[in-house]
Amino acid sequence: MLALYYQDPDGPGDDFGVSARLSSFARSNGNLKTECSVNSKTAGQWQRNISTPCNVDFGKAIYWVEVRVERKQPSTQVVEFNAVALENSI
């Protein structure tokens, strides 16, 4: 699972947001794929949200995480990316 740690002042609202996507590049044929993604859905500081299980095999693919922080309008409120982590679901 991909865990996202963030601060989002409006949580499920759409004025602010933080999202993360785990993507892969297959070593055998170069196919690109999104393995899993997660976004901010709870308002507040130091929040954590997790994705559905990700399919990860480091022998077969190269992986990277893309993080997006969005703010629709100028604001004094803080929207912040803190960290991502790959976590085991066991």
Protein backbone atom coordinates (compact mmCIF):
# COMPACT_ATOMS: atom_id res chain seq x y z
CA MET A 1 0.00 0.00 0.00
CA LEU A 2 1.06 3.56 -0.62
CA ALA A 3 0.71 5.78 2.47
CA LEU A 4 0.42 9.54 2.06
CA TYR A 5 1.17 11.94 4.94
CA TYR A 6 -0.14 15.44 4.43
CA GLN A 7 -1.90 18.57 5.67
CA ASP A 8 -5.06 19.60 3.81
CA PRO A 9 -7.28 22.39 5.17
CA ASP A 10 -10.48 21.25 3.41
CA GLY A 11 -10.04 17.45 3.29
CA PRO A 12 -12.58 16.07 0.80
CA GLY A 13 -13.23 19.53 -0.63
CA ASP A 14 -11.64 20.48 -3.93
CA ASP A 15 -9.99 23.83 -3.13
CA PHE A 16 -6.84 22.12 -1.80
CA GLY A 17 -5.40 18.67 -2.31
CA VAL A 18 -2.43 16.36 -2.05
CA SER A 19 -2.17 13.19 -4.12
CA ALA A 20 0.44 10.51 -4.73
CA ARG A 21 0.71 7.92 -7.49
CA LEU A 22 3.03 4.88 -7.64
CA SER A 23 3.94 4.17 -11.26
CA SER A 24 6.02 1.45 -12.86
CA PHE A 25 8.14 0.92 -15.95
CA ALA A 26 8.32 -2.75 -16.97
CA ARG A 27 11.90 -3.93 -17.54
CA SER A 28 10.79 -6.50 -20.15
CA ASN A 29 8.81 -4.31 -22.56
CA GLY A 30 8.85 -0.71 -21.31
CA ASN A 31 5.13 -0.57 -20.48
CA LEU A 32 4.12 2.23 -18.13
CA LYS A 33 1.48 1.54 -15.49
CA THR A 34 -0.11 3.20 -12.45
CA GLU A 35 0.09 0.62 -9.67
CA CYS A 36 -1.90 2.54 -7.04
CA SER A 37 -2.80 6.06 -5.99
CA VAL A 38 -3.99 7.89 -2.89
CA ASN A 39 -5.22 11.39 -2.12
CA SER A 40 -6.01 13.63 0.82
CA LYS A 41 -9.54 13.18 2.07
CA THR A 42 -9.35 14.20 5.72
CA ALA A 43 -8.86 17.79 6.84
CA GLY A 44 -6.23 18.71 9.38
CA GLN A 45 -2.54 18.55 10.19
CA TRP A 46 -0.41 15.40 9.99
CA GLN A 47 -3.03 13.25 8.33
CA ARG A 48 -2.40 9.78 6.84
CA ASN A 49 -4.34 8.02 4.10
CA ILE A 50 -3.51 4.70 2.41
CA SER A 51 -4.21 3.28 -1.03
CA THR A 52 -5.57 -0.10 -1.95
CA PRO A 53 -2.79 -2.75 -2.17
CA CYS A 54 -0.12 -2.01 -4.79
CA ASN A 55 1.37 -4.62 -7.09
CA VAL A 56 5.16 -4.33 -6.59
CA ASP A 57 7.89 -6.60 -7.96
CA PHE A 58 11.28 -4.87 -7.98
CA GLY A 59 12.75 -7.61 -10.17
CA LYS A 60 10.28 -6.91 -12.99
CA ALA A 61 9.86 -3.13 -12.91
CA ILE A 62 11.30 0.23 -11.95
CA TYR A 63 9.04 2.31 -9.69
CA TRP A 64 8.62 5.97 -8.81
CA VAL A 65 6.16 8.11 -6.89
CA GLU A 66 4.66 11.31 -8.28
CA VAL A 67 3.22 13.72 -5.71
CA ARG A 68 0.95 16.65 -6.56
CA VAL A 69 0.05 19.51 -4.23
CA GLU A 70 -2.82 21.65 -5.49
CA ARG A 71 -4.37 24.95 -4.47
CA LYS A 72 -7.10 26.45 -6.68
CA GLN A 73 -6.88 30.02 -5.38
CA PRO A 74 -4.31 32.03 -3.43
CA SER A 75 -4.81 31.44 0.28
CA THR A 76 -3.10 31.79 3.63
CA GLN A 77 -4.21 28.24 4.55
CA VAL A 78 -1.52 25.55 4.48
CA VAL A 79 -1.70 22.59 2.11
CA GLU A 80 1.39 20.44 2.55
CA PHE A 81 2.98 17.18 1.47
CA ASN A 82 4.89 15.54 4.34
CA ALA A 83 5.86 12.04 3.14
CA VAL A 84 4.98 8.86 1.28
CA ALA A 85 5.77 5.30 2.34
CA LEU A 86 5.35 1.85 0.84
CA GLU A 87 3.73 -0.26 3.53
CA ASN A 88 3.02 -3.96 3.81
CA SER A 89 -0.63 -4.92 4.24
CA ILE A 90 0.15 -7.96 6.42
